[in-house]
Amino acid sequence: MDPPPLSGPARRRGPGVRRLARELALRLLFQRDLEGGPPAATAETFEAVFSPENDPENALELSAREFARAWPLARELFFGVAAAQAGLDAEIGRAAVNWTLGRMSPVDRGLIRLAYYEMLHRGDIPARVSLNEALEIAKSYGDDDSVAFINGVLDCLLRGLTAPAEPQAI
């Protein structure tokens, strides 16, 4: 079965560079989740196989221009998630009540990691935007329960980021 085209129906409208980069980063996270190995090897293999110049069947349905514009941000997000993964996973594990990361689908796990990374480390992107983008991408890549599950976990994580600080006793 072929993977869905990047951005599904939104592709006709021409998704933004950030959306394409998030989708590419999700695919990188998915590949790394399944294969393991160092992030650099995952990115190198992915680019070698799926860049439009190297993929005569254009499995991702991207033009060379679209890929070139989105790939640097996709790599940045992917390597950022990979570097912060242990800390991200610890917080996600606390927020995902009655779920372990191992029980989550690789798509859900990847989207949650990616969105939470953005919430923590990308001050140029409002946290709500990262959450909403994860939900939109989940509609194309996840299963029937993905949107609700991802929303619940990310909302819990977001509340933790925006909760007022506890007053310090003097």
Protein backbone atom coordinates (compact mmCIF):
# COMPACT_ATOMS: atom_id res chain seq x y z
CA MET A 1 0.00 0.00 0.00
CA ASP A 2 1.39 3.41 -0.98
CA PRO A 3 1.67 6.14 1.65
CA PRO A 4 -0.85 8.95 1.31
CA PRO A 5 0.34 11.93 -0.70
CA LEU A 6 1.70 14.77 1.37
CA SER A 7 -1.14 16.99 2.57
CA GLY A 8 -3.91 14.93 0.98
CA PRO A 9 -6.73 17.15 -0.28
CA ALA A 10 -4.96 20.29 0.95
CA ARG A 11 -2.20 19.55 -1.58
CA ARG A 12 -4.32 21.07 -4.35
CA ARG A 13 -4.29 24.42 -2.55
CA GLY A 14 -0.55 24.27 -2.15
CA PRO A 15 0.29 23.66 1.49
CA GLY A 16 2.79 25.94 3.10
CA VAL A 17 6.41 25.09 3.54
CA ARG A 18 5.92 24.46 7.26
CA ARG A 19 3.14 21.93 6.63
CA LEU A 20 5.24 20.06 4.08
CA ALA A 21 8.24 20.17 6.42
CA ARG A 22 6.16 18.76 9.28
CA GLU A 23 4.91 15.95 7.06
CA LEU A 24 8.42 15.13 5.92
CA ALA A 25 9.64 15.26 9.53
CA LEU A 26 6.82 12.91 10.54
CA ARG A 27 7.88 10.48 7.83
CA LEU A 28 11.47 10.67 9.06
CA LEU A 29 10.36 10.03 12.64
CA PHE A 30 8.21 7.12 11.46
CA GLN A 31 11.12 5.63 9.52
CA ARG A 32 13.49 6.00 12.47
CA ASP A 33 10.90 4.49 14.81
CA LEU A 34 10.65 1.40 12.64
CA GLU A 35 14.29 0.98 11.68
CA GLY A 36 16.16 2.45 14.62
CA GLY A 37 19.65 3.67 14.03
CA PRO A 38 21.22 7.11 14.19
CA PRO A 39 19.18 10.10 12.99
CA ALA A 40 21.83 11.07 10.43
CA ALA A 41 21.54 7.68 8.71
CA THR A 42 17.75 7.94 8.64
CA ALA A 43 17.84 11.41 7.07
CA GLU A 44 20.50 10.41 4.56
CA THR A 45 18.59 7.32 3.45
CA PHE A 46 15.29 9.19 3.27
CA GLU A 47 16.75 11.96 1.13
CA ALA A 48 18.53 9.49 -1.13
CA VAL A 49 15.33 7.54 -1.74
CA PHE A 50 12.62 10.20 -1.73
CA SER A 51 14.08 13.43 -3.08
CA PRO A 52 12.35 14.06 -6.42
CA GLU A 53 15.66 13.84 -8.30
CA ASN A 54 16.27 10.33 -6.94
CA ASP A 55 12.70 9.02 -6.97
CA PRO A 56 11.51 8.48 -10.55
CA GLU A 57 8.05 7.46 -9.35
CA ASN A 58 7.83 10.56 -7.11
CA ALA A 59 6.32 8.61 -4.22
CA LEU A 60 5.85 11.76 -2.15
CA GLU A 61 4.25 13.65 -5.05
CA LEU A 62 6.45 16.69 -4.48
CA SER A 63 8.17 18.84 -7.05
CA ALA A 64 11.89 19.35 -6.72
CA ARG A 65 11.18 22.96 -5.70
CA GLU A 66 8.71 21.94 -2.96
CA PHE A 67 11.11 19.35 -1.60
CA ALA A 68 14.03 21.79 -1.65
CA ARG A 69 12.01 24.42 0.22
CA ALA A 70 10.64 22.05 2.89
CA TRP A 71 13.61 19.72 3.40
CA PRO A 72 15.83 22.05 5.52
CA LEU A 73 13.04 22.69 8.05
CA ALA A 74 12.04 19.01 8.02
CA ARG A 75 15.63 18.06 8.88
CA GLU A 76 15.79 20.72 11.58
CA LEU A 77 12.58 19.44 13.18
CA PHE A 78 13.61 15.80 12.86
CA PHE A 79 17.06 16.31 14.37
CA GLY A 80 15.57 18.53 17.09
CA VAL A 81 13.07 15.85 18.08
CA ALA A 82 15.77 13.19 17.98
CA ALA A 83 18.09 15.22 20.23
CA ALA A 84 15.32 16.01 22.73
CA GLN A 85 13.51 12.67 22.50
CA ALA A 86 14.30 11.33 25.97
CA GLY A 87 12.95 14.45 27.66
CA LEU A 88 9.98 14.68 25.31
CA ASP A 89 9.10 11.03 25.92
CA ALA A 90 9.25 11.44 29.69
CA GLU A 91 6.75 14.31 29.60
CA ILE A 92 4.55 12.62 26.99
CA GLY A 93 4.52 9.47 29.13
CA ARG A 94 3.20 11.49 32.08
CA ALA A 95 0.57 13.21 29.96
CA ALA A 96 -0.67 10.06 28.21
CA VAL A 97 -2.65 8.64 31.11
CA ASN A 98 -2.94 4.85 30.95
CA TRP A 99 -0.78 4.71 27.79
CA THR A 100 2.86 3.91 27.29
CA LEU A 101 4.73 5.26 24.29
CA GLY A 102 5.23 1.69 23.11
CA ARG A 103 1.45 1.17 22.86
CA MET A 104 0.96 4.27 20.72
CA SER A 105 0.94 3.96 16.96
CA PRO A 106 4.18 5.21 15.39
CA VAL A 107 2.22 7.95 13.61
CA ASP A 108 0.55 9.20 16.79
CA ARG A 109 3.81 8.99 18.73
CA GLY A 110 5.68 10.88 16.01
CA LEU A 111 3.08 13.63 15.74
CA ILE A 112 2.95 14.11 19.50
CA ARG A 113 6.76 14.26 19.70
CA LEU A 114 6.93 16.69 16.80
CA ALA A 115 4.22 19.04 18.10
CA TYR A 116 5.54 18.98 21.66
CA TYR A 117 9.06 19.69 20.41
CA GLU A 118 7.71 22.73 18.55
CA MET A 119 5.82 23.88 21.65
CA LEU A 120 8.99 23.74 23.73
CA HIS A 121 11.68 24.81 21.29
CA ARG A 122 10.13 26.88 18.51
CA GLY A 123 9.20 30.22 20.00
CA ASP A 124 8.36 31.49 16.51
CA ILE A 125 5.38 29.11 16.35
CA PRO A 126 2.47 29.58 18.78
CA ALA A 127 1.86 26.38 20.77
CA ARG A 128 -1.79 26.24 19.65
CA VAL A 129 -0.65 26.31 16.02
CA SER A 130 1.64 23.33 16.62
CA LEU A 131 -1.24 21.47 18.28
CA ASN A 132 -3.68 22.28 15.47
CA GLU A 133 -1.19 21.34 12.76
CA ALA A 134 -0.62 17.97 14.44
CA LEU A 135 -4.37 17.37 14.43
CA GLU A 136 -4.69 18.30 10.75
CA ILE A 137 -1.83 15.99 9.78
CA ALA A 138 -3.35 13.21 11.93
CA LYS A 139 -6.47 13.36 9.77
CA SER A 140 -4.39 12.24 6.78
CA TYR A 141 -1.91 9.88 8.45
CA GLY A 142 -3.56 8.57 11.59
CA ASP A 143 -6.40 6.16 12.22
CA ASP A 144 -9.97 6.93 13.31
CA ASP A 145 -8.98 7.60 16.92
CA SER A 146 -5.76 9.52 16.28
CA VAL A 147 -7.14 13.05 16.29
CA ALA A 148 -8.92 12.68 19.63
CA PHE A 149 -5.99 10.84 21.23
CA ILE A 150 -3.35 13.30 20.01
CA ASN A 151 -5.54 16.24 21.00
CA GLY A 152 -5.93 14.87 24.53
CA VAL A 153 -2.22 14.29 25.06
CA LEU A 154 -1.09 17.57 23.51
CA ASP A 155 -3.75 19.56 25.34
CA CYS A 156 -2.52 18.10 28.63
CA LEU A 157 1.07 18.99 27.70
CA LEU A 158 0.03 22.47 26.63
CA ARG A 159 -1.79 23.07 29.92
CA GLY A 160 1.41 22.12 31.70
CA LEU A 161 3.31 24.72 29.70
CA THR A 162 0.79 27.48 30.33
CA ALA A 163 -0.11 26.70 33.94
CA PRO A 164 0.73 29.51 36.34
CA ALA A 165 3.81 28.87 38.39
CA GLU A 166 3.29 27.65 41.94
CA PRO A 167 3.94 30.40 44.47
CA GLN A 168 7.24 29.91 46.24
CA ALA A 169 7.18 29.74 50.04
CA ILE A 170 9.48 32.24 51.63
